Amino acid sequence: MPKTLAGKLTPATRMGLSIAIAVGVYGISFGALSVTAGLTVWETCLLSALMFTGGSQFAFIGVIGGGGTGAAAWAAATLLSVRNGIYGMQLKALIRPPSRLIPVMAQLTIDESTATATAQDDRDERVRGFWTAGLGVWLTWNAFTLVGALAGDALGDPKQWGLDGAAVAAFLGLLWPRLTAKDPIATAIVAALVTIITVPLVPPGIPVLIAAAVTAAVWAIRRRRTAVAK
């Protein structure tokens, strides 16, 4: 019996497509908020296509909407995109891409593509997961950004649609299968607590950097204790 299209997809491509749909819909919220902040529809679409990292995009329009300068908006967006540089180093070591693809991969290196790639156990699946999630989110995110920008004020407050919950649910779906032992469960709890504590205290996007730093410190301490015990 011939396989259906869904049957031909690998676990990494199914994961990438799922997260692309879930996260891309959230682009409506960015499009609507960007127009409300004063950007035109085409400025919004251009910003979304080129910057393409949600936290930085929201920070940019937040500063502009609050009356800040373009330089201040770029500074905030750049600060929040620092984590993508860390992702890039990690992905280059895991995937070992040819040099001609590195510029394109850099553009598609975001939370979702990194999470999908690193969730796989072999290199081929990591490659498929990265490209599926990266290209998928880029296409859906920008398509729904245009929808949100065109709808503008007609959407009202985008938060009332609960679209931000879709992105969170997608990440939980990625994380959940990996919580099969005490160590990753404890690390996830520590990261969640750090994030919850820091969210009201620092700008959007910074909590994930703090949680990542704390998680790395916990991992280093546990590794050192294990080495001493041996």
Foldseek 3Di string as FASTA:
>chain_A
DDDDPVRPDDPLLVLLLLLLQLQLLCLLQLLQLLVVLPDALVVQLVCCLQLVEVQLSVQLSVCSSVVHDNVVSNVSSVVLCPVLVVLLVVCCVQQVDDPVCSVVLSRLRYPQLSLSLVLDDHRVSSVSNNVSNSVSNSVSNSVSSSVNNVCHCVCPNPVVVVSVVSNVVSVCVSLVVVPPDDVSVVLVVQLVVQLVVCVVPDRPSVSNVVSVVVSVVVVVVVVVVVVVVD
